[in-house]
Amino acid sequence: MKKTVLVKMKENQKGRVLEITGGYSIQNKFMSMGIYPGREITKLSHFALKGPVTIKTGRSVLALGHGMAAKIILEVE
């Protein structure tokens, strides 16, 4: 298993959230979207030049800004 940041994952790669860096408010925002430590997410796409990152968590598909996606640390195979 390897640790990486969400923005560095490849498309259609799965990972389990290990940690969310940042303060209480950003962690609450992620929690309300269903992103929390232990949750499995799949990166669907990433637009070039620091564009949004599209992910799937559970049955939801979300688009995160590049800065927010950079705060999610995952464990990938």
C-alpha atoms as a PDB file:
ATOM      1  CA  MET A   1       0.000   0.000   0.000  1.00  0.00           C
ATOM      2  CA  LYS A   2       1.168   3.488  -0.842  1.00  0.00           C
ATOM      3  CA  LYS A   3       0.187   6.942   0.454  1.00  0.00           C
ATOM      4  CA  THR A   4      -0.671   9.634  -2.078  1.00  0.00           C
ATOM      5  CA  VAL A   5      -2.686  12.817  -2.506  1.00  0.00           C
ATOM      6  CA  LEU A   6      -5.964  12.707  -4.439  1.00  0.00           C
ATOM      7  CA  VAL A   7      -4.699  15.044  -7.181  1.00  0.00           C
ATOM      8  CA  LYS A   8      -1.795  12.665  -7.960  1.00  0.00           C
ATOM      9  CA  MET A   9      -3.981   9.585  -8.415  1.00  0.00           C
ATOM     10  CA  LYS A  10      -4.691   8.225 -11.886  1.00  0.00           C
ATOM     11  CA  GLU A  11      -8.155   8.203 -13.414  1.00  0.00           C
ATOM     12  CA  ASN A  12     -10.363   5.294 -12.282  1.00  0.00           C
ATOM     13  CA  GLN A  13      -7.973   4.517  -9.421  1.00  0.00           C
ATOM     14  CA  LYS A  14      -9.461   3.626  -6.039  1.00  0.00           C
ATOM     15  CA  GLY A  15      -8.133   4.574  -2.643  1.00  0.00           C
ATOM     16  CA  ARG A  16      -9.097   4.696   1.016  1.00  0.00           C
ATOM     17  CA  VAL A  17      -9.010   8.061   2.799  1.00  0.00           C
ATOM     18  CA  LEU A  18      -6.308   8.106   5.475  1.00  0.00           C
ATOM     19  CA  GLU A  19      -6.288  11.747   6.482  1.00  0.00           C
ATOM     20  CA  ILE A  20      -7.711  15.145   5.638  1.00  0.00           C
ATOM     21  CA  THR A  21      -5.243  17.960   6.176  1.00  0.00           C
ATOM     22  CA  GLY A  22      -6.638  21.305   7.199  1.00  0.00           C
ATOM     23  CA  GLY A  23      -8.710  22.803   9.941  1.00  0.00           C
ATOM     24  CA  TYR A  24     -11.985  21.912  11.558  1.00  0.00           C
ATOM     25  CA  SER A  25     -14.149  23.730   8.990  1.00  0.00           C
ATOM     26  CA  ILE A  26     -12.664  21.961   5.943  1.00  0.00           C
ATOM     27  CA  GLN A  27     -12.961  18.594   7.697  1.00  0.00           C
ATOM     28  CA  ASN A  28     -16.631  19.328   8.461  1.00  0.00           C
ATOM     29  CA  LYS A  29     -17.232  20.288   4.831  1.00  0.00           C
ATOM     30  CA  PHE A  30     -15.708  17.000   3.620  1.00  0.00           C
ATOM     31  CA  MET A  31     -17.686  15.050   6.232  1.00  0.00           C
ATOM     32  CA  SER A  32     -20.947  16.567   4.967  1.00  0.00           C
ATOM     33  CA  MET A  33     -20.001  15.410   1.444  1.00  0.00           C
ATOM     34  CA  GLY A  34     -19.356  11.853   2.655  1.00  0.00           C
ATOM     35  CA  ILE A  35     -15.548  12.067   2.578  1.00  0.00           C
ATOM     36  CA  TYR A  36     -13.947  10.964   5.836  1.00  0.00           C
ATOM     37  CA  PRO A  37     -11.081   8.704   7.014  1.00  0.00           C
ATOM     38  CA  GLY A  38     -11.737   5.067   6.145  1.00  0.00           C
ATOM     39  CA  ARG A  39     -14.044   5.887   3.207  1.00  0.00           C
ATOM     40  CA  GLU A  40     -13.200   4.434  -0.212  1.00  0.00           C
ATOM     41  CA  ILE A  41     -13.284   6.843  -3.145  1.00  0.00           C
ATOM     42  CA  THR A  42     -12.600   6.511  -6.866  1.00  0.00           C
ATOM     43  CA  LYS A  43     -11.047   9.300  -8.908  1.00  0.00           C
ATOM     44  CA  LEU A  44     -13.036   9.621 -12.134  1.00  0.00           C
ATOM     45  CA  SER A  45     -11.324  12.504 -13.933  1.00  0.00           C
ATOM     46  CA  HIS A  46      -8.990  15.454 -13.520  1.00  0.00           C
ATOM     47  CA  PHE A  47      -8.839  18.518 -15.716  1.00  0.00           C
ATOM     48  CA  ALA A  48      -5.418  19.941 -16.562  1.00  0.00           C
ATOM     49  CA  LEU A  49      -3.882  23.057 -15.042  1.00  0.00           C
ATOM     50  CA  LYS A  50      -5.292  22.731 -11.548  1.00  0.00           C
ATOM     51  CA  GLY A  51      -8.873  22.251 -12.663  1.00  0.00           C
ATOM     52  CA  PRO A  52     -11.554  20.344 -10.763  1.00  0.00           C
ATOM     53  CA  VAL A  53     -11.196  16.694  -9.751  1.00  0.00           C
ATOM     54  CA  THR A  54     -14.239  14.440 -10.149  1.00  0.00           C
ATOM     55  CA  ILE A  55     -14.618  11.593  -7.656  1.00  0.00           C
ATOM     56  CA  LYS A  56     -17.122   8.915  -6.717  1.00  0.00           C
ATOM     57  CA  THR A  57     -17.797   8.136  -3.077  1.00  0.00           C
ATOM     58  CA  GLY A  58     -20.551   5.699  -2.267  1.00  0.00           C
ATOM     59  CA  ARG A  59     -23.332   6.444  -4.751  1.00  0.00           C
ATOM     60  CA  SER A  60     -22.414  10.141  -5.105  1.00  0.00           C
ATOM     61  CA  VAL A  61     -20.314  11.778  -7.812  1.00  0.00           C
ATOM     62  CA  LEU A  62     -18.624  14.998  -6.672  1.00  0.00           C
ATOM     63  CA  ALA A  63     -16.430  17.650  -8.277  1.00  0.00           C
ATOM     64  CA  LEU A  64     -13.806  19.145  -5.970  1.00  0.00           C
ATOM     65  CA  GLY A  65     -11.571  22.121  -6.615  1.00  0.00           C
ATOM     66  CA  HIS A  66      -7.866  21.376  -7.006  1.00  0.00           C
ATOM     67  CA  GLY A  67      -7.023  22.986  -3.646  1.00  0.00           C
ATOM     68  CA  MET A  68      -9.608  20.939  -1.776  1.00  0.00           C
ATOM     69  CA  ALA A  69      -8.557  17.717  -3.522  1.00  0.00           C
ATOM     70  CA  ALA A  70      -4.946  18.381  -2.482  1.00  0.00           C
ATOM     71  CA  LYS A  71      -5.993  18.122   1.185  1.00  0.00           C
ATOM     72  CA  ILE A  72      -7.140  14.486   0.893  1.00  0.00           C
ATOM     73  CA  ILE A  73      -4.466  11.856   1.586  1.00  0.00           C
ATOM     74  CA  LEU A  74      -5.297   8.327   0.483  1.00  0.00           C
ATOM     75  CA  GLU A  75      -3.906   4.821   0.634  1.00  0.00           C
ATOM     76  CA  VAL A  76      -3.815   3.174  -2.810  1.00  0.00           C
ATOM     77  CA  GLU A  77      -2.724  -0.276  -3.985  1.00  0.00           C
END
